[in-house]
Amino acid sequence: MRREPDYFEQQGDELVLLYIAKKLRDALAIEDLLTRSGVDYLVEVDYYIGGLIFRGERAGAFIYVPAPLRESAAALLIGQRFTPAALE
């Protein structure tokens, strides 16, 4: 379920990046998947560098989950043919 940042602060959860959605369609599909699966997550708009020919700063939906749920949430994304963000 989509949560606000203060929810995770109150819970004391460390958030990790799960996915950077560059298209609204992808962001909505992932939100629906995580909500149906009962996974708490946070979505924030942030900027990334993209483009091959016309490189530039672009906005995307950065999707975060609590660290203990990262692996199971990543498995859900892989099952739907999305590639999760790499762990650092």
Protein backbone atom coordinates (compact mmCIF):
# COMPACT_ATOMS: atom_id res chain seq x y z
CA MET A 1 0.00 0.00 0.00
CA ARG A 2 1.30 3.46 -0.87
CA ARG A 3 2.44 5.32 2.24
CA GLU A 4 3.74 8.77 3.10
CA PRO A 5 7.33 9.32 4.31
CA ASP A 6 6.24 9.97 7.91
CA TYR A 7 4.67 6.48 8.09
CA PHE A 8 8.08 4.87 7.54
CA GLU A 9 9.76 7.30 9.95
CA GLN A 10 7.28 6.33 12.68
CA GLN A 11 7.89 2.65 11.95
CA GLY A 12 11.66 3.17 12.00
CA ASP A 13 11.98 1.44 8.62
CA GLU A 14 15.01 1.97 6.43
CA LEU A 15 13.86 2.42 2.83
CA VAL A 16 15.74 1.10 -0.19
CA LEU A 17 15.22 1.91 -3.85
CA LEU A 18 13.22 -0.76 -5.66
CA TYR A 19 12.59 0.78 -9.07
CA ILE A 20 12.87 3.99 -11.09
CA ALA A 21 9.81 4.28 -13.33
CA LYS A 22 10.58 6.41 -16.34
CA LYS A 23 7.06 6.06 -17.75
CA LEU A 24 3.80 6.79 -15.95
CA ARG A 25 2.34 3.52 -17.26
CA ASP A 26 5.14 1.55 -15.56
CA ALA A 27 4.78 3.47 -12.29
CA LEU A 28 1.04 2.79 -12.18
CA ALA A 29 1.50 -0.90 -12.99
CA ILE A 30 4.10 -1.34 -10.23
CA GLU A 31 1.98 0.56 -7.72
CA ASP A 32 -0.97 -1.69 -8.53
CA LEU A 33 1.19 -4.81 -8.21
CA LEU A 34 2.63 -3.78 -4.84
CA THR A 35 -0.77 -2.71 -3.50
CA ARG A 36 -2.41 -6.00 -4.54
CA SER A 37 0.47 -7.88 -2.92
CA GLY A 38 0.17 -5.99 0.37
CA VAL A 39 3.62 -4.38 0.18
CA ASP A 40 4.05 -0.95 1.81
CA TYR A 41 5.97 1.42 -0.46
CA LEU A 42 6.84 5.06 -1.00
CA VAL A 43 6.80 6.91 -4.32
CA GLU A 44 8.75 10.13 -4.80
CA VAL A 45 9.33 12.13 -7.93
CA ASP A 46 13.04 12.69 -8.46
CA TYR A 47 15.40 13.33 -11.34
CA TYR A 48 17.76 11.06 -13.25
CA ILE A 49 20.05 11.51 -16.27
CA GLY A 50 18.67 9.82 -19.37
CA GLY A 51 18.77 9.72 -23.14
CA LEU A 52 21.34 8.42 -25.57
CA ILE A 53 21.49 11.21 -28.12
CA PHE A 54 19.82 14.02 -26.19
CA ARG A 55 21.10 13.44 -22.68
CA GLY A 56 19.45 15.42 -19.98
CA GLU A 57 17.79 15.47 -16.63
CA ARG A 58 14.37 13.81 -16.57
CA ALA A 59 11.75 13.23 -13.90
CA GLY A 60 10.81 9.73 -12.81
CA ALA A 61 8.89 7.95 -10.09
CA PHE A 62 11.34 6.50 -7.58
CA ILE A 63 9.72 3.60 -5.73
CA TYR A 64 11.08 2.63 -2.32
CA VAL A 65 10.27 -0.29 -0.01
CA PRO A 66 11.40 -1.20 3.52
CA ALA A 67 14.76 -3.00 3.41
CA PRO A 68 13.40 -6.34 4.77
CA LEU A 69 10.81 -6.46 1.94
CA ARG A 70 13.23 -5.61 -0.85
CA GLU A 71 13.93 -9.15 -2.06
CA SER A 72 10.29 -10.27 -2.10
CA ALA A 73 9.19 -7.02 -3.80
CA ALA A 74 11.96 -7.43 -6.39
CA ALA A 75 10.73 -10.97 -7.10
CA LEU A 76 7.25 -9.57 -7.74
CA LEU A 77 8.66 -7.09 -10.25
CA ILE A 78 10.73 -9.74 -12.01
CA GLY A 79 7.60 -11.88 -12.32
CA GLN A 80 6.01 -9.01 -14.26
CA ARG A 81 9.12 -8.48 -16.43
CA PHE A 82 10.34 -5.32 -14.66
CA THR A 83 14.01 -5.07 -13.72
CA PRO A 84 14.48 -3.84 -10.13
CA ALA A 85 17.12 -1.26 -9.28
CA ALA A 86 20.45 -2.81 -8.37
CA LEU A 87 21.39 -3.00 -4.71
CA GLU A 88 24.34 -0.81 -3.84
